[in-house]
Amino acid sequence: MLAGLVLLSASCQTAGYNTGERVQIDCDRSPIQSSWSNVYTPTWGKCYRVTSERAEVMSTVHLRHFQIPGGHADVVHHVAGHNTFITQGDLRSAVRTYNNVAANGTDWGEPRNETMGGQEYETQTFLLSGKSCTAFRVKAAPAATLPGYRSATYGYACANRLDRELVERLLPSFSYDVARAENAPVTPIPPTPAKRS
């Protein structure tokens, strides 16, 4: 999930940042929100924050799952810290970090650049388990003094009938503000048990 990070110089002495953090946060405090009332995180859904395992790389990833009319959406907001920047590969590779998309995503369309709600996006259609889907990435300006990006926001949405009207309403409804998560209570995620052979 932290792929695409590049380090300029080693430093991790910033207050409030912990390497190797894997926590669940209250979805009301997640940096990823939607202004559309039909888009919500179900009671079984979770919101997560993950930081880089390496002390010399400062990066925080926020993840959130949403229910949308007729389907679901998964959104990632990735923010680089001090002396770190994010490189961006192709959109299909970005959303294939989701195991289900990597294993079952088919019929990928060509990437498109489009504007919705005053925001520029890169989008790409595909099919997943019989549902029509759109992968998306918010277009961001490169970092002023670094050869990459300070943040990356991407994800995908799938529905029984994910038409253009739904996509045009959904994507601009999302907002991203890491300040919402400051001092939010967290619950550590236990490490995944090692598989026995």
Foldseek 3Di string as FASTA:
>chain_A
DPPQKDADWFDQPDPPADAFFKWWFDPQLALKDFPDPQKAADPPWTKIWGFHNDRRWTKIKIWGKIAHVAWIKIKIKIFGDPRMAGADDDQLVVQVVPVQCVVFKADKADWDWDDAPNWIKIWIWTDGPQWTKIKIKTDDDDDPPDPHHRMIMIIMITGNDCDPVNVSNGPVRIGGDNVSNVPTDIGGDDDDDDDDD
